[in-house]
Amino acid sequence: AAGKPATGTITVDLRHEGNDVSVEFRDDGAGLNVERIREKAVARGIVQPDAVISDAEAANLIFMPGFSTASEVTGLSGRGIGMDVVRSEI
């Protein structure tokens, strides 16, 4: 979709240290478009237009319930149901 190759790579790393277990997921995608996240946050009134927020702060906005950068709603995206659910369940 969106001009991307049909295949990609997802890497899952599991670590066990003492009583802790960590799971890390990585893919070979372009990463987050933090500028697009900022634009959507301003458009929705989450961030003031003149506010200066770091890339990390902008990236963290994807975990807000209902937040989406999709321009249209499809069967897979655009409803803002996703990363907030991942965070609450993991």
PDB file of N, CA and C in Angstrom:
ATOM      1  N   ALA A   1       0.833  -1.194   0.000  1.00  0.00           N
ATOM      2  CA  ALA A   1       0.000   0.000   0.000  1.00  0.00           C
ATOM      3  C   ALA A   1       0.866   1.242   0.000  1.00  0.00           C
ATOM      4  N   ALA A   2       0.354   2.323  -0.487  1.00  0.00           N
ATOM      5  CA  ALA A   2       1.024   3.627  -0.478  1.00  0.00           C
ATOM      6  C   ALA A   2       2.413   3.563  -1.094  1.00  0.00           C
ATOM      7  N   GLY A   3       2.592   2.776  -2.162  1.00  0.00           N
ATOM      8  CA  GLY A   3       3.876   2.709  -2.842  1.00  0.00           C
ATOM      9  C   GLY A   3       4.941   1.906  -2.125  1.00  0.00           C
ATOM     10  N   LYS A   4       4.565   1.174  -1.108  1.00  0.00           N
ATOM     11  CA  LYS A   4       5.531   0.381  -0.342  1.00  0.00           C
ATOM     12  C   LYS A   4       5.686  -0.998  -0.976  1.00  0.00           C
ATOM     13  N   PRO A   5       6.868  -1.613  -0.782  1.00  0.00           N
ATOM     14  CA  PRO A   5       7.035  -2.988  -1.274  1.00  0.00           C
ATOM     15  C   PRO A   5       6.027  -3.928  -0.611  1.00  0.00           C
ATOM     16  N   ALA A   6       5.713  -5.016  -1.292  1.00  0.00           N
ATOM     17  CA  ALA A   6       4.738  -5.971  -0.758  1.00  0.00           C
ATOM     18  C   ALA A   6       5.285  -6.776   0.412  1.00  0.00           C
ATOM     19  N   THR A   7       6.600  -6.825   0.564  1.00  0.00           N
ATOM     20  CA  THR A   7       7.199  -7.584   1.659  1.00  0.00           C
ATOM     21  C   THR A   7       8.022  -6.669   2.551  1.00  0.00           C
ATOM     22  N   GLY A   8       8.240  -7.124   3.754  1.00  0.00           N
ATOM     23  CA  GLY A   8       9.049  -6.378   4.711  1.00  0.00           C
ATOM     24  C   GLY A   8       9.596  -7.338   5.744  1.00  0.00           C
ATOM     25  N   THR A   9      10.322  -6.792   6.691  1.00  0.00           N
ATOM     26  CA  THR A   9      10.919  -7.605   7.741  1.00  0.00           C
ATOM     27  C   THR A   9      10.477  -7.093   9.097  1.00  0.00           C
ATOM     28  N   ILE A  10      10.017  -7.999   9.933  1.00  0.00           N
ATOM     29  CA  ILE A  10       9.697  -7.680  11.327  1.00  0.00           C
ATOM     30  C   ILE A  10      10.604  -8.547  12.190  1.00  0.00           C
ATOM     31  N   THR A  11      11.303  -7.907  13.116  1.00  0.00           N
ATOM     32  CA  THR A  11      12.207  -8.609  14.024  1.00  0.00           C
ATOM     33  C   THR A  11      11.627  -8.551  15.425  1.00  0.00           C
ATOM     34  N   VAL A  12      11.612  -9.686  16.102  1.00  0.00           N
ATOM     35  CA  VAL A  12      11.139  -9.764  17.482  1.00  0.00           C
ATOM     36  C   VAL A  12      12.304 -10.252  18.333  1.00  0.00           C
ATOM     37  N   ASP A  13      12.689  -9.454  19.328  1.00  0.00           N
ATOM     38  CA  ASP A  13      13.744  -9.830  20.265  1.00  0.00           C
ATOM     39  C   ASP A  13      13.124 -10.072  21.632  1.00  0.00           C
ATOM     40  N   LEU A  14      13.467 -11.194  22.227  1.00  0.00           N
ATOM     41  CA  LEU A  14      13.027 -11.522  23.581  1.00  0.00           C
ATOM     42  C   LEU A  14      14.255 -11.562  24.475  1.00  0.00           C
ATOM     43  N   ARG A  15      14.141 -10.959  25.646  1.00  0.00           N
ATOM     44  CA  ARG A  15      15.253 -10.958  26.594  1.00  0.00           C
ATOM     45  C   ARG A  15      14.740 -11.349  27.975  1.00  0.00           C
ATOM     46  N   HIS A  16      15.528 -12.140  28.657  1.00  0.00           N
ATOM     47  CA  HIS A  16      15.216 -12.537  30.022  1.00  0.00           C
ATOM     48  C   HIS A  16      16.390 -12.132  30.896  1.00  0.00           C
ATOM     49  N   GLU A  17      16.145 -11.211  31.806  1.00  0.00           N
ATOM     50  CA  GLU A  17      17.180 -10.731  32.716  1.00  0.00           C
ATOM     51  C   GLU A  17      16.617 -10.761  34.130  1.00  0.00           C
ATOM     52  N   GLY A  18      17.127 -11.674  34.941  1.00  0.00           N
ATOM     53  CA  GLY A  18      16.608 -11.799  36.301  1.00  0.00           C
ATOM     54  C   GLY A  18      15.149 -12.188  36.273  1.00  0.00           C
ATOM     55  N   ASN A  19      14.320 -11.381  36.918  1.00  0.00           N
ATOM     56  CA  ASN A  19      12.879 -11.632  36.937  1.00  0.00           C
ATOM     57  C   ASN A  19      12.137 -10.917  35.817  1.00  0.00           C
ATOM     58  N   ASP A  20      12.862 -10.210  34.963  1.00  0.00           N
ATOM     59  CA  ASP A  20      12.235  -9.407  33.916  1.00  0.00           C
ATOM     60  C   ASP A  20      12.337 -10.077  32.550  1.00  0.00           C
ATOM     61  N   VAL A  21      11.294  -9.909  31.780  1.00  0.00           N
ATOM     62  CA  VAL A  21      11.279 -10.349  30.393  1.00  0.00           C
ATOM     63  C   VAL A  21      10.909  -9.136  29.554  1.00  0.00           C
ATOM     64  N   SER A  22      11.666  -8.892  28.498  1.00  0.00           N
ATOM     65  CA  SER A  22      11.320  -7.780  27.611  1.00  0.00           C
ATOM     66  C   SER A  22      11.138  -8.309  26.192  1.00  0.00           C
ATOM     67  N   VAL A  23      10.241  -7.667  25.478  1.00  0.00           N
ATOM     68  CA  VAL A  23       9.967  -8.003  24.092  1.00  0.00           C
ATOM     69  C   VAL A  23      10.146  -6.728  23.285  1.00  0.00           C
ATOM     70  N   GLU A  24      10.930  -6.805  22.225  1.00  0.00           N
ATOM     71  CA  GLU A  24      11.154  -5.639  21.366  1.00  0.00           C
ATOM     72  C   GLU A  24      10.781  -6.014  19.938  1.00  0.00           C
ATOM     73  N   PHE A  25       9.977  -5.168  19.310  1.00  0.00           N
ATOM     74  CA  PHE A  25       9.574  -5.365  17.924  1.00  0.00           C
ATOM     75  C   PHE A  25      10.212  -4.273  17.077  1.00  0.00           C
ATOM     76  N   ARG A  26      10.756  -4.657  15.926  1.00  0.00           N
ATOM     77  CA  ARG A  26      11.322  -3.684  14.984  1.00  0.00           C
ATOM     78  C   ARG A  26      10.881  -4.074  13.578  1.00  0.00           C
ATOM     79  N   ASP A  27      10.769  -3.073  12.722  1.00  0.00           N
ATOM     80  CA  ASP A  27      10.499  -3.375  11.322  1.00  0.00           C
ATOM     81  C   ASP A  27      11.439  -2.554  10.456  1.00  0.00           C
ATOM     82  N   ASP A  28      11.408  -2.821   9.163  1.00  0.00           N
ATOM     83  CA  ASP A  28      12.299  -2.115   8.251  1.00  0.00           C
ATOM     84  C   ASP A  28      11.596  -0.948   7.554  1.00  0.00           C
ATOM     85  N   GLY A  29      10.551  -0.452   8.188  1.00  0.00           N
ATOM     86  CA  GLY A  29       9.819   0.685   7.632  1.00  0.00           C
ATOM     87  C   GLY A  29      10.546   1.999   7.858  1.00  0.00           C
ATOM     88  N   ALA A  30       9.943   3.065   7.406  1.00  0.00           N
ATOM     89  CA  ALA A  30      10.553   4.391   7.485  1.00  0.00           C
ATOM     90  C   ALA A  30      10.456   5.007   8.877  1.00  0.00           C
ATOM     91  N   GLY A  31       9.705   4.392   9.765  1.00  0.00           N
ATOM     92  CA  GLY A  31       9.538   4.965  11.098  1.00  0.00           C
ATOM     93  C   GLY A  31       8.348   5.909  11.136  1.00  0.00           C
ATOM     94  N   LEU A  32       8.214   6.598  12.246  1.00  0.00           N
ATOM     95  CA  LEU A  32       7.091   7.516  12.426  1.00  0.00           C
ATOM     96  C   LEU A  32       7.335   8.825  11.696  1.00  0.00           C
ATOM     97  N   ASN A  33       6.291   9.366  11.119  1.00  0.00           N
ATOM     98  CA  ASN A  33       6.348  10.687  10.504  1.00  0.00           C
ATOM     99  C   ASN A  33       5.937  11.693  11.584  1.00  0.00           C
ATOM    100  N   VAL A  34       6.924  12.127  12.382  1.00  0.00           N
ATOM    101  CA  VAL A  34       6.602  12.979  13.530  1.00  0.00           C
ATOM    102  C   VAL A  34       6.033  14.329  13.103  1.00  0.00           C
ATOM    103  N   GLU A  35       6.398  14.812  11.935  1.00  0.00           N
ATOM    104  CA  GLU A  35       5.823  16.080  11.470  1.00  0.00           C
ATOM    105  C   GLU A  35       4.328  15.913  11.199  1.00  0.00           C
ATOM    106  N   ARG A  36       3.946  14.806  10.596  1.00  0.00           N
ATOM    107  CA  ARG A  36       2.522  14.521  10.342  1.00  0.00           C
ATOM    108  C   ARG A  36       1.777  14.352  11.661  1.00  0.00           C
ATOM    109  N   ILE A  37       2.412  13.721  12.638  1.00  0.00           N
ATOM    110  CA  ILE A  37       1.804  13.563  13.964  1.00  0.00           C
ATOM    111  C   ILE A  37       1.567  14.936  14.580  1.00  0.00           C
ATOM    112  N   ARG A  38       2.567  15.824  14.500  1.00  0.00           N
ATOM    113  CA  ARG A  38       2.403  17.194  15.023  1.00  0.00           C
ATOM    114  C   ARG A  38       1.241  17.904  14.331  1.00  0.00           C
ATOM    115  N   GLU A  39       1.189  17.806  13.001  1.00  0.00           N
ATOM    116  CA  GLU A  39       0.121  18.471  12.238  1.00  0.00           C
ATOM    117  C   GLU A  39      -1.261  17.992  12.683  1.00  0.00           C
ATOM    118  N   LYS A  40      -1.427  16.693  12.824  1.00  0.00           N
ATOM    119  CA  LYS A  40      -2.718  16.147  13.261  1.00  0.00           C
ATOM    120  C   LYS A  40      -3.039  16.571  14.688  1.00  0.00           C
ATOM    121  N   ALA A  41      -2.019  16.622  15.544  1.00  0.00           N
ATOM    122  CA  ALA A  41      -2.233  17.033  16.935  1.00  0.00           C
ATOM    123  C   ALA A  41      -2.687  18.487  16.997  1.00  0.00           C
ATOM    124  N   VAL A  42      -2.115  19.336  16.171  1.00  0.00           N
ATOM    125  CA  VAL A  42      -2.535  20.745  16.120  1.00  0.00           C
ATOM    126  C   VAL A  42      -3.953  20.836  15.563  1.00  0.00           C
ATOM    127  N   ALA A  43      -4.225  20.108  14.485  1.00  0.00           N
ATOM    128  CA  ALA A  43      -5.555  20.144  13.861  1.00  0.00           C
ATOM    129  C   ALA A  43      -6.644  19.687  14.827  1.00  0.00           C
ATOM    130  N   ARG A  44      -6.316  18.755  15.706  1.00  0.00           N
ATOM    131  CA  ARG A  44      -7.296  18.246  16.675  1.00  0.00           C
ATOM    132  C   ARG A  44      -7.312  19.040  17.968  1.00  0.00           C
ATOM    133  N   GLY A  45      -6.462  20.057  18.091  1.00  0.00           N
ATOM    134  CA  GLY A  45      -6.436  20.879  19.292  1.00  0.00           C
ATOM    135  C   GLY A  45      -5.709  20.244  20.462  1.00  0.00           C
ATOM    136  N   ILE A  46      -4.949  19.202  20.204  1.00  0.00           N
ATOM    137  CA  ILE A  46      -4.188  18.532  21.258  1.00  0.00           C
ATOM    138  C   ILE A  46      -2.943  19.342  21.596  1.00  0.00           C
ATOM    139  N   VAL A  47      -2.367  19.957  20.584  1.00  0.00           N
ATOM    140  CA  VAL A  47      -1.156  20.767  20.730  1.00  0.00           C
ATOM    141  C   VAL A  47      -1.444  22.144  20.150  1.00  0.00           C
ATOM    142  N   GLN A  48      -0.993  23.179  20.830  1.00  0.00           N
ATOM    143  CA  GLN A  48      -1.167  24.541  20.328  1.00  0.00           C
ATOM    144  C   GLN A  48      -0.278  24.756  19.100  1.00  0.00           C
ATOM    145  N   PRO A  49      -0.736  25.531  18.118  1.00  0.00           N
ATOM    146  CA  PRO A  49       0.046  25.735  16.893  1.00  0.00           C
ATOM    147  C   PRO A  49       1.455  26.274  17.135  1.00  0.00           C
ATOM    148  N   ASP A  50       1.628  27.078  18.171  1.00  0.00           N
ATOM    149  CA  ASP A  50       2.946  27.666  18.429  1.00  0.00           C
ATOM    150  C   ASP A  50       3.775  26.850  19.421  1.00  0.00           C
ATOM    151  N   ALA A  51       3.257  25.704  19.846  1.00  0.00           N
ATOM    152  CA  ALA A  51       3.974  24.868  20.819  1.00  0.00           C
ATOM    153  C   ALA A  51       5.170  24.193  20.157  1.00  0.00           C
ATOM    154  N   VAL A  52       6.240  24.105  20.907  1.00  0.00           N
ATOM    155  CA  VAL A  52       7.428  23.386  20.448  1.00  0.00           C
ATOM    156  C   VAL A  52       7.489  22.080  21.231  1.00  0.00           C
ATOM    157  N   ILE A  53       7.341  20.965  20.518  1.00  0.00           N
ATOM    158  CA  ILE A  53       7.433  19.665  21.183  1.00  0.00           C
ATOM    159  C   ILE A  53       8.524  18.844  20.489  1.00  0.00           C
ATOM    160  N   SER A  54       9.205  18.049  21.272  1.00  0.00           N
ATOM    161  CA  SER A  54      10.293  17.231  20.737  1.00  0.00           C
ATOM    162  C   SER A  54       9.731  16.105  19.871  1.00  0.00           C
ATOM    163  N   ASP A  55      10.615  15.479  19.105  1.00  0.00           N
ATOM    164  CA  ASP A  55      10.200  14.326  18.310  1.00  0.00           C
ATOM    165  C   ASP A  55       9.666  13.217  19.212  1.00  0.00           C
ATOM    166  N   ALA A  56      10.311  13.015  20.359  1.00  0.00           N
ATOM    167  CA  ALA A  56       9.869  11.972  21.293  1.00  0.00           C
ATOM    168  C   ALA A  56       8.482  12.287  21.837  1.00  0.00           C
ATOM    169  N   GLU A  57       8.221  13.553  22.166  1.00  0.00           N
ATOM    170  CA  GLU A  57       6.895  13.947  22.657  1.00  0.00           C
ATOM    171  C   GLU A  57       5.846  13.767  21.567  1.00  0.00           C
ATOM    172  N   ALA A  58       6.198  14.133  20.336  1.00  0.00           N
ATOM    173  CA  ALA A  58       5.267  13.956  19.218  1.00  0.00           C
ATOM    174  C   ALA A  58       4.982  12.473  19.007  1.00  0.00           C
ATOM    175  N   ALA A  59       6.022  11.653  19.033  1.00  0.00           N
ATOM    176  CA  ALA A  59       5.847  10.211  18.832  1.00  0.00           C
ATOM    177  C   ALA A  59       4.954   9.611  19.908  1.00  0.00           C
ATOM    178  N   ASN A  60       5.043  10.105  21.107  1.00  0.00           N
ATOM    179  CA  ASN A  60       4.241   9.578  22.215  1.00  0.00           C
ATOM    180  C   ASN A  60       2.743   9.835  22.017  1.00  0.00           C
ATOM    181  N   LEU A  61       2.392  10.807  21.184  1.00  0.00           N
ATOM    182  CA  LEU A  61       0.982  11.121  20.933  1.00  0.00           C
ATOM    183  C   LEU A  61       0.239   9.968  20.262  1.00  0.00           C
ATOM    184  N   ILE A  62       0.956   9.071  19.587  1.00  0.00           N
ATOM    185  CA  ILE A  62       0.275   7.958  18.909  1.00  0.00           C
ATOM    186  C   ILE A  62      -0.404   7.023  19.894  1.00  0.00           C
ATOM    187  N   PHE A  63      -0.055   7.125  21.175  1.00  0.00           N
ATOM    188  CA  PHE A  63      -0.661   6.265  22.187  1.00  0.00           C
ATOM    189  C   PHE A  63      -1.940   6.853  22.777  1.00  0.00           C
ATOM    190  N   MET A  64      -2.344   8.038  22.333  1.00  0.00           N
ATOM    191  CA  MET A  64      -3.586   8.641  22.819  1.00  0.00           C
ATOM    192  C   MET A  64      -4.782   7.925  22.195  1.00  0.00           C
ATOM    193  N   PRO A  65      -5.780   7.578  23.003  1.00  0.00           N
ATOM    194  CA  PRO A  65      -6.981   6.949  22.439  1.00  0.00           C
ATOM    195  C   PRO A  65      -7.610   7.841  21.365  1.00  0.00           C
ATOM    196  N   GLY A  66      -7.931   7.248  20.228  1.00  0.00           N
ATOM    197  CA  GLY A  66      -8.579   7.978  19.150  1.00  0.00           C
ATOM    198  C   GLY A  66      -7.650   8.731  18.231  1.00  0.00           C
ATOM    199  N   PHE A  67      -6.344   8.725  18.504  1.00  0.00           N
ATOM    200  CA  PHE A  67      -5.412   9.491  17.672  1.00  0.00           C
ATOM    201  C   PHE A  67      -5.034   8.701  16.426  1.00  0.00           C
ATOM    202  N   SER A  68      -5.113   9.348  15.273  1.00  0.00           N
ATOM    203  CA  SER A  68      -4.735   8.727  14.009  1.00  0.00           C
ATOM    204  C   SER A  68      -4.218   9.790  13.058  1.00  0.00           C
ATOM    205  N   THR A  69      -3.254   9.429  12.230  1.00  0.00           N
ATOM    206  CA  THR A  69      -2.783  10.335  11.184  1.00  0.00           C
ATOM    207  C   THR A  69      -3.358   9.949   9.827  1.00  0.00           C
ATOM    208  N   ALA A  70      -4.171   8.899   9.783  1.00  0.00           N
ATOM    209  CA  ALA A  70      -4.754   8.449   8.519  1.00  0.00           C
ATOM    210  C   ALA A  70      -5.679   9.524   7.960  1.00  0.00           C
ATOM    211  N   SER A  71      -5.645   9.682   6.649  1.00  0.00           N
ATOM    212  CA  SER A  71      -6.501  10.688   6.021  1.00  0.00           C
ATOM    213  C   SER A  71      -7.904  10.157   5.756  1.00  0.00           C
ATOM    214  N   GLU A  72      -8.073   8.840   5.781  1.00  0.00           N
ATOM    215  CA  GLU A  72      -9.400   8.251   5.611  1.00  0.00           C
ATOM    216  C   GLU A  72      -9.515   6.994   6.467  1.00  0.00           C
ATOM    217  N   VAL A  73     -10.743   6.646   6.784  1.00  0.00           N
ATOM    218  CA  VAL A  73     -11.004   5.455   7.588  1.00  0.00           C
ATOM    219  C   VAL A  73     -11.155   4.261   6.653  1.00  0.00           C
ATOM    220  N   THR A  74     -10.409   3.199   6.961  1.00  0.00           N
ATOM    221  CA  THR A  74     -10.517   1.953   6.199  1.00  0.00           C
ATOM    222  C   THR A  74     -10.801   0.822   7.186  1.00  0.00           C
ATOM    223  N   GLY A  75     -10.823  -0.377   6.687  1.00  0.00           N
ATOM    224  CA  GLY A  75     -11.017  -1.526   7.557  1.00  0.00           C
ATOM    225  C   GLY A  75      -9.860  -1.751   8.512  1.00  0.00           C
ATOM    226  N   LEU A  76      -8.695  -1.179   8.194  1.00  0.00           N
ATOM    227  CA  LEU A  76      -7.503  -1.390   9.012  1.00  0.00           C
ATOM    228  C   LEU A  76      -6.984  -0.147   9.714  1.00  0.00           C
ATOM    229  N   SER A  77      -7.378   1.021   9.262  1.00  0.00           N
ATOM    230  CA  SER A  77      -6.785   2.228   9.856  1.00  0.00           C
ATOM    231  C   SER A  77      -7.748   3.400   9.842  1.00  0.00           C
ATOM    232  N   GLY A  78      -7.364   4.426  10.606  1.00  0.00           N
ATOM    233  CA  GLY A  78      -8.101   5.676  10.578  1.00  0.00           C
ATOM    234  C   GLY A  78      -9.051   5.908  11.723  1.00  0.00           C
ATOM    235  N   ARG A  79      -9.281   4.905  12.546  1.00  0.00           N
ATOM    236  CA  ARG A  79     -10.219   5.071  13.653  1.00  0.00           C
ATOM    237  C   ARG A  79      -9.522   5.435  14.955  1.00  0.00           C
ATOM    238  N   GLY A  80      -8.199   5.394  14.965  1.00  0.00           N
ATOM    239  CA  GLY A  80      -7.479   5.723  16.191  1.00  0.00           C
ATOM    240  C   GLY A  80      -7.532   4.620  17.226  1.00  0.00           C
ATOM    241  N   ILE A  81      -7.803   3.417  16.764  1.00  0.00           N
ATOM    242  CA  ILE A  81      -7.794   2.255  17.663  1.00  0.00           C
ATOM    243  C   ILE A  81      -6.567   1.448  17.269  1.00  0.00           C
ATOM    244  N   GLY A  82      -5.607   1.434  18.122  1.00  0.00           N
ATOM    245  CA  GLY A  82      -4.388   0.726  17.746  1.00  0.00           C
ATOM    246  C   GLY A  82      -3.336   0.808  18.817  1.00  0.00           C
ATOM    247  N   MET A  83      -2.509   1.838  18.729  1.00  0.00           N
ATOM    248  CA  MET A  83      -1.375   1.920  19.637  1.00  0.00           C
ATOM    249  C   MET A  83      -1.798   2.151  21.082  1.00  0.00           C
ATOM    250  N   ASP A  84      -2.913   2.831  21.311  1.00  0.00           N
ATOM    251  CA  ASP A  84      -3.379   2.979  22.698  1.00  0.00           C
ATOM    252  C   ASP A  84      -3.779   1.623  23.275  1.00  0.00           C
ATOM    253  N   VAL A  85      -4.361   0.763  22.433  1.00  0.00           N
ATOM    254  CA  VAL A  85      -4.734  -0.579  22.881  1.00  0.00           C
ATOM    255  C   VAL A  85      -3.479  -1.418  23.127  1.00  0.00           C
ATOM    256  N   VAL A  86      -2.512  -1.304  22.239  1.00  0.00           N
ATOM    257  CA  VAL A  86      -1.254  -2.035  22.429  1.00  0.00           C
ATOM    258  C   VAL A  86      -0.631  -1.652  23.763  1.00  0.00           C
ATOM    259  N   ARG A  87      -0.556  -0.358  24.032  1.00  0.00           N
ATOM    260  CA  ARG A  87       0.061   0.099  25.286  1.00  0.00           C
ATOM    261  C   ARG A  87      -0.710  -0.400  26.504  1.00  0.00           C
ATOM    262  N   SER A  88      -2.028  -0.374  26.447  1.00  0.00           N
ATOM    263  CA  SER A  88      -2.807  -0.776  27.620  1.00  0.00           C
ATOM    264  C   SER A  88      -2.762  -2.285  27.862  1.00  0.00           C
ATOM    265  N   GLU A  89      -2.542  -3.056  26.806  1.00  0.00           N
ATOM    266  CA  GLU A  89      -2.546  -4.510  26.936  1.00  0.00           C
ATOM    267  C   GLU A  89      -1.171  -5.100  27.218  1.00  0.00           C
ATOM    268  N   ILE A  90      -0.138  -4.354  26.925  1.00  0.00           N
ATOM    269  CA  ILE A  90       1.222  -4.909  27.094  1.00  0.00           C
ATOM    270  C   ILE A  90       1.922  -4.328  28.279  1.00  0.00           C
TER     271      ILE A  90
END
